[in-house]
């Protein structure tokens, strides 16, 4: 179906893996697969579909999004996700993604929401996330992230919600986390932060 523009299969009981052949939908602009029972890795063909704008309305609330949350998808988040430059919302929460957060997320400069909570991600928070200056929500909690909160995140002057709780971060709390003045929710419990409250 090379002329297909919209594929919406959310809120079903679909199981199995996402087929690699989905990458053949060269005209696809809208994709919704959340709230199913999908398993396995996300096929690489999705991240390389140059015409995919991923404009999708999820429960009539959010637009310009890719929702793959609430499945059982596994594997690392591929670096090629950085090719999806028109993405505004990326929600991969509540899956079984592991490995590090790819620094190529910094290429997605139109993102307003990035949510990868409740996975098995490890490694450090990439400083490239600081390039996402439109970001108002950043959900990294309940993973295995370590290291520190990069100072580059101070560039996120539109950030309102930032969650890093239930990780293994071990550093001083950042002195300049509130510089933007819009932050209303910062949750950082269940880590190994040290020093005083700035």
Protein backbone atom coordinates (compact mmCIF):
# COMPACT_ATOMS: atom_id res chain seq x y z
CA UNK A 1 0.00 0.00 0.00
CA UNK A 2 2.54 2.54 -1.13
CA UNK A 3 -0.04 5.35 -1.19
CA UNK A 4 -1.10 4.87 2.44
CA UNK A 5 -0.82 8.07 4.51
CA UNK A 6 -2.30 6.97 7.85
CA UNK A 7 -1.85 3.73 9.81
CA UNK A 8 -3.57 3.81 13.21
CA UNK A 9 -3.76 0.55 15.18
CA UNK A 10 -3.66 1.85 18.76
CA UNK A 11 -5.63 0.40 21.65
CA UNK A 12 -6.01 -3.14 20.39
CA UNK A 13 -4.64 -6.52 21.43
CA UNK A 14 -2.16 -6.91 18.57
CA UNK A 15 0.82 -9.08 19.45
CA UNK A 16 4.01 -10.23 17.78
CA UNK A 17 6.64 -7.94 16.32
CA UNK A 18 6.38 -4.89 14.08
CA UNK A 19 7.18 -6.21 10.59
CA UNK A 20 10.26 -4.88 8.81
CA UNK A 21 8.10 -4.43 5.71
CA UNK A 22 6.40 -1.43 7.33
CA UNK A 23 9.29 0.53 5.86
CA UNK A 24 7.80 -0.04 2.41
CA UNK A 25 4.98 2.40 3.23
CA UNK A 26 6.87 5.21 1.55
CA UNK A 27 3.99 7.73 1.73
CA UNK A 28 3.15 7.15 5.40
CA UNK A 29 2.70 10.32 7.44
CA UNK A 30 0.82 9.09 10.51
CA UNK A 31 1.68 6.06 12.63
CA UNK A 32 0.09 4.82 15.84
CA UNK A 33 0.90 1.48 17.45
CA UNK A 34 0.66 2.20 21.17
CA UNK A 35 -1.27 0.23 23.80
CA UNK A 36 -0.95 -3.18 22.20
CA UNK A 37 1.08 -6.27 23.10
CA UNK A 38 3.84 -5.84 20.54
CA UNK A 39 7.19 -7.45 21.31
CA UNK A 40 10.70 -7.50 19.91
CA UNK A 41 12.80 -4.69 18.47
CA UNK A 42 11.51 -1.78 16.43
CA UNK A 43 12.47 -2.52 12.82
CA UNK A 44 15.23 -0.31 11.48
CA UNK A 45 13.08 0.53 8.46
CA UNK A 46 10.88 2.80 10.62
CA UNK A 47 13.80 5.02 11.59
CA UNK A 48 14.92 5.42 7.98
CA UNK A 49 11.62 6.40 6.36
CA UNK A 50 12.52 9.83 5.03
CA UNK A 51 8.94 10.89 4.18
CA UNK A 52 7.48 9.88 7.54
CA UNK A 53 6.46 13.03 9.39
CA UNK A 54 4.91 10.97 12.20
CA UNK A 55 2.09 13.45 12.68
CA UNK A 56 -0.40 11.49 14.73
CA UNK A 57 -3.27 12.37 17.04
CA UNK A 58 -3.25 10.25 20.20
CA UNK A 59 -6.52 10.21 22.15
CA UNK A 60 -7.37 13.60 20.62
CA UNK A 61 -4.89 15.38 22.87
CA UNK A 62 -1.43 15.48 21.31
CA UNK A 63 -0.32 16.07 17.74
CA UNK A 64 2.95 15.65 15.90
CA UNK A 65 3.85 12.52 17.79
CA UNK A 66 5.18 8.99 17.66
CA UNK A 67 3.64 6.80 20.34
CA UNK A 68 5.00 3.29 20.84
CA UNK A 69 4.53 3.13 24.59
CA UNK A 70 2.82 0.44 26.67
CA UNK A 71 4.10 -2.47 24.60
CA UNK A 72 6.87 -4.97 25.22
CA UNK A 73 9.32 -3.68 22.63
CA UNK A 74 12.94 -4.60 23.26
CA UNK A 75 16.43 -3.78 22.08
CA UNK A 76 18.38 -0.54 22.04
CA UNK A 77 16.96 2.73 20.77
CA UNK A 78 18.75 2.97 17.41
CA UNK A 79 20.98 5.93 16.57
CA UNK A 80 19.10 6.32 13.29
CA UNK A 81 16.16 7.75 15.24
CA UNK A 82 17.99 11.03 14.73
CA UNK A 83 16.84 10.95 11.08
CA UNK A 84 13.25 11.80 12.09
CA UNK A 85 13.79 15.54 12.14
CA UNK A 86 10.08 16.46 12.01
CA UNK A 87 9.22 14.60 15.21
CA UNK A 88 7.66 16.76 17.92
CA UNK A 89 6.75 14.13 20.53
CA UNK A 90 8.58 10.87 21.17
CA UNK A 91 7.00 8.52 23.70
CA UNK A 92 8.73 5.16 24.20
CA UNK A 93 7.78 4.67 27.84
CA UNK A 94 6.92 1.36 29.48
CA UNK A 95 8.73 -0.99 27.14
CA UNK A 96 11.90 -3.02 27.57
CA UNK A 97 14.38 -0.85 25.71
CA UNK A 98 17.94 -1.26 26.96
CA UNK A 99 21.34 0.20 26.21
CA UNK A 100 22.21 3.86 26.17
CA UNK A 101 20.13 6.85 25.10
CA UNK A 102 21.47 7.71 21.62
CA UNK A 103 23.11 11.15 21.39
CA UNK A 104 21.47 11.53 17.96
CA UNK A 105 18.28 12.50 19.82
CA UNK A 106 19.92 15.92 19.83
CA UNK A 107 19.07 16.15 16.11
CA UNK A 108 15.34 16.15 16.88
CA UNK A 109 15.22 19.89 17.52
CA UNK A 110 11.42 20.08 17.08
CA UNK A 111 10.77 17.80 20.06
CA UNK A 112 8.58 19.25 22.78
CA UNK A 113 8.21 16.00 24.75
CA UNK A 114 10.70 13.17 25.21
CA UNK A 115 9.58 10.31 27.43
CA UNK A 116 11.58 7.10 27.82
CA UNK A 117 10.60 6.31 31.40
CA UNK A 118 10.09 2.77 32.69
CA UNK A 119 12.57 0.98 30.47
CA UNK A 120 15.98 -0.57 31.16
CA UNK A 121 18.16 2.17 29.70
CA UNK A 122 21.67 2.54 31.08
CA UNK A 123 24.70 4.75 30.64
CA UNK A 124 24.76 8.51 31.01
CA UNK A 125 22.29 11.20 29.99
CA UNK A 126 23.65 12.50 26.67
CA UNK A 127 24.49 16.23 26.79
CA UNK A 128 23.08 16.51 23.25
CA UNK A 129 19.60 16.57 24.80
CA UNK A 130 20.48 20.16 25.69
CA UNK A 131 19.95 21.04 22.00
CA UNK A 132 16.21 20.36 22.30
CA UNK A 133 15.32 23.92 23.22
CA UNK A 134 11.57 23.44 22.62
CA UNK A 135 11.37 20.60 25.14
CA UNK A 136 8.82 21.15 27.93
CA UNK A 137 8.80 17.60 29.31
CA UNK A 138 11.71 15.20 29.78
CA UNK A 139 10.89 11.83 31.35
CA UNK A 140 13.92 9.64 32.12
CA UNK A 141 12.80 8.03 35.36
CA UNK A 142 12.82 4.35 36.36
CA UNK A 143 15.80 3.29 34.29
CA UNK A 144 19.43 2.44 35.11
CA UNK A 145 21.01 5.74 34.10
CA UNK A 146 24.23 6.72 35.86
CA UNK A 147 26.68 9.60 35.97
CA UNK A 148 25.53 13.19 36.31
CA UNK A 149 22.89 15.53 34.95
CA UNK A 150 24.70 17.31 32.09
CA UNK A 151 25.11 21.05 32.43
CA UNK A 152 23.88 21.38 28.85
CA UNK A 153 20.35 20.70 30.08
CA UNK A 154 20.41 24.25 31.42
CA UNK A 155 19.77 25.27 27.78
CA UNK A 156 16.25 23.82 28.07
CA UNK A 157 14.66 27.12 29.00
CA UNK A 158 11.13 25.86 28.18
CA UNK A 159 11.43 22.80 30.41
CA UNK A 160 8.49 22.45 32.83
CA UNK A 161 8.61 18.78 33.85
CA UNK A 162 11.86 16.89 34.40
CA UNK A 163 11.86 13.43 35.98
CA UNK A 164 15.00 11.41 36.72
CA UNK A 165 13.95 9.50 39.83
CA UNK A 166 14.74 5.81 40.34
CA UNK A 167 18.02 5.75 38.45
CA UNK A 168 21.63 5.47 39.61
CA UNK A 169 22.72 9.07 39.12
CA UNK A 170 25.53 10.10 41.45
CA UNK A 171 26.52 13.75 41.41
CA UNK A 172 25.75 17.08 42.99
CA UNK A 173 22.34 18.49 42.22
CA UNK A 174 22.81 20.97 39.37
CA UNK A 175 23.14 24.58 40.54
CA UNK A 176 21.42 26.02 37.48
CA UNK A 177 18.56 23.58 36.86
CA UNK A 178 15.91 26.32 37.28
CA UNK A 179 17.54 29.06 35.20
CA UNK A 180 14.74 28.99 32.63
CA UNK A 181 12.22 29.89 35.29
CA UNK A 182 9.47 27.60 33.96
CA UNK A 183 10.32 24.37 35.79
CA UNK A 184 7.35 23.30 37.92
CA UNK A 185 8.13 19.62 38.52
CA UNK A 186 11.61 18.21 39.21
CA UNK A 187 11.58 14.66 40.60
CA UNK A 188 14.96 13.18 41.47
CA UNK A 189 14.41 10.83 44.41
CA UNK A 190 15.93 7.34 44.61
CA UNK A 191 19.34 8.21 43.16
CA UNK A 192 22.75 8.80 44.74
CA UNK A 193 22.90 12.59 44.70
CA UNK A 194 25.38 14.15 47.11
CA UNK A 195 26.11 17.52 48.63
CA UNK A 196 23.69 20.25 49.57
CA UNK A 197 20.44 21.39 48.00
CA UNK A 198 21.42 24.32 45.76
